[in-house]
């Protein structure tokens, strides 16, 4: 199993670090843990087959876990903060991907 990918977010947008299964590789299961001091921060777990088209697989509001399984196997997985809960908020996300 690949090592978890961690990101720190201070603004909305996708995390710089993402899982990449490599050429010809794919993932079928994903988990994400988000730690946020704001209850209104929204972070999406997104997957992509091509690093261009991203699809939300689950959402965390505030702090919590999301688990997703994709029947259409995906090469990439990343966190994306869609709503920042307050000025100066620092969010940490950890994404795990399983074959």
Protein backbone atom coordinates (compact mmCIF):
# COMPACT_ATOMS: atom_id res chain seq x y z
CA UNK A 1 0.00 0.00 0.00
CA UNK A 2 1.39 3.46 -0.85
CA UNK A 3 2.33 5.85 1.93
CA UNK A 4 -0.30 8.45 2.94
CA UNK A 5 -0.12 11.84 1.23
CA UNK A 6 -0.34 14.87 3.52
CA UNK A 7 -1.18 18.48 2.69
CA UNK A 8 -1.49 21.68 4.70
CA UNK A 9 -4.04 24.14 3.31
CA UNK A 10 -4.33 27.84 4.13
CA UNK A 11 -6.58 28.71 1.18
CA UNK A 12 -9.20 27.07 -1.00
CA UNK A 13 -7.95 24.84 -3.77
CA UNK A 14 -6.44 21.46 -4.42
CA UNK A 15 -3.60 20.11 -2.34
CA UNK A 16 -0.20 20.21 -4.01
CA UNK A 17 0.54 16.61 -2.98
CA UNK A 18 -1.53 13.86 -4.59
CA UNK A 19 -1.39 10.10 -4.99
CA UNK A 20 -0.23 8.87 -8.40
CA UNK A 21 -0.44 5.14 -9.05
CA UNK A 22 2.04 5.52 -11.91
CA UNK A 23 1.71 4.63 -15.58
CA UNK A 24 -0.63 1.66 -15.93
CA UNK A 25 -1.47 1.62 -12.19
CA UNK A 26 -4.80 2.40 -10.55
CA UNK A 27 -6.44 2.64 -7.14
CA UNK A 28 -9.87 1.37 -6.15
CA UNK A 29 -10.27 2.53 -2.53
CA UNK A 30 -9.58 5.83 -0.80
CA UNK A 31 -9.74 7.40 2.66
CA UNK A 32 -9.13 10.96 3.77
CA UNK A 33 -8.82 12.49 7.22
CA UNK A 34 -9.15 16.26 7.62
CA UNK A 35 -8.22 18.26 10.70
CA UNK A 36 -9.68 21.77 10.73
CA UNK A 37 -10.21 24.28 13.56
CA UNK A 38 -13.30 25.54 11.73
CA UNK A 39 -16.56 23.57 11.67
CA UNK A 40 -17.51 25.13 8.33
CA UNK A 41 -14.44 24.17 6.29
CA UNK A 42 -15.39 21.83 3.43
CA UNK A 43 -12.79 19.49 1.91
CA UNK A 44 -13.50 17.09 -0.96
CA UNK A 45 -11.70 13.82 -1.68
CA UNK A 46 -11.27 13.84 -5.45
CA UNK A 47 -10.05 11.21 -7.91
CA UNK A 48 -8.95 11.38 -11.52
CA UNK A 49 -8.04 8.91 -14.27
CA UNK A 50 -5.87 11.46 -16.12
CA UNK A 51 -4.81 14.29 -13.72
CA UNK A 52 -7.14 16.66 -15.64
CA UNK A 53 -10.72 15.60 -14.91
CA UNK A 54 -11.37 15.43 -11.14
CA UNK A 55 -14.47 13.91 -9.53
CA UNK A 56 -15.48 14.31 -5.86
CA UNK A 57 -15.81 10.92 -4.16
CA UNK A 58 -16.66 12.24 -0.69
CA UNK A 59 -16.74 15.39 1.46
CA UNK A 60 -15.64 16.26 5.00
CA UNK A 61 -17.10 19.29 6.78
CA UNK A 62 -14.88 20.47 9.63
CA UNK A 63 -12.81 17.62 11.06
CA UNK A 64 -13.49 14.01 10.12
CA UNK A 65 -13.03 11.01 7.85
CA UNK A 66 -14.40 10.08 4.46
CA UNK A 67 -14.04 6.69 2.77
CA UNK A 68 -14.78 6.03 -0.89
CA UNK A 69 -14.60 3.16 -3.33
CA UNK A 70 -14.55 3.61 -7.08
CA UNK A 71 -15.72 0.90 -9.48
CA UNK A 72 -13.97 2.92 -12.16
CA UNK A 73 -10.40 2.59 -10.97
CA UNK A 74 -8.50 5.87 -10.72
CA UNK A 75 -4.81 6.75 -11.12
CA UNK A 76 -4.83 9.92 -8.97
CA UNK A 77 -6.33 11.00 -5.62
CA UNK A 78 -6.13 14.41 -3.89
CA UNK A 79 -7.78 16.67 -1.30
CA UNK A 80 -9.48 19.88 -2.43
CA UNK A 81 -10.60 22.57 0.03
CA UNK A 82 -13.78 24.02 -1.48
CA UNK A 83 -14.79 26.26 1.45
CA UNK A 84 -12.35 27.79 3.93
CA UNK A 85 -13.99 28.19 7.32
CA UNK A 86 -12.26 31.39 8.40
CA UNK A 87 -9.38 33.75 7.82
CA UNK A 88 -6.06 32.32 8.91
CA UNK A 89 -7.44 28.79 9.12
CA UNK A 90 -4.83 26.08 8.57
CA UNK A 91 -6.25 22.71 7.54
CA UNK A 92 -4.33 19.43 7.40
CA UNK A 93 -5.49 16.59 5.18
CA UNK A 94 -4.19 13.07 4.79
CA UNK A 95 -5.22 10.92 1.82
CA UNK A 96 -4.69 7.15 1.65
CA UNK A 97 -5.15 5.13 -1.52
CA UNK A 98 -5.49 1.36 -1.74
CA UNK A 99 -5.08 -0.89 -4.79
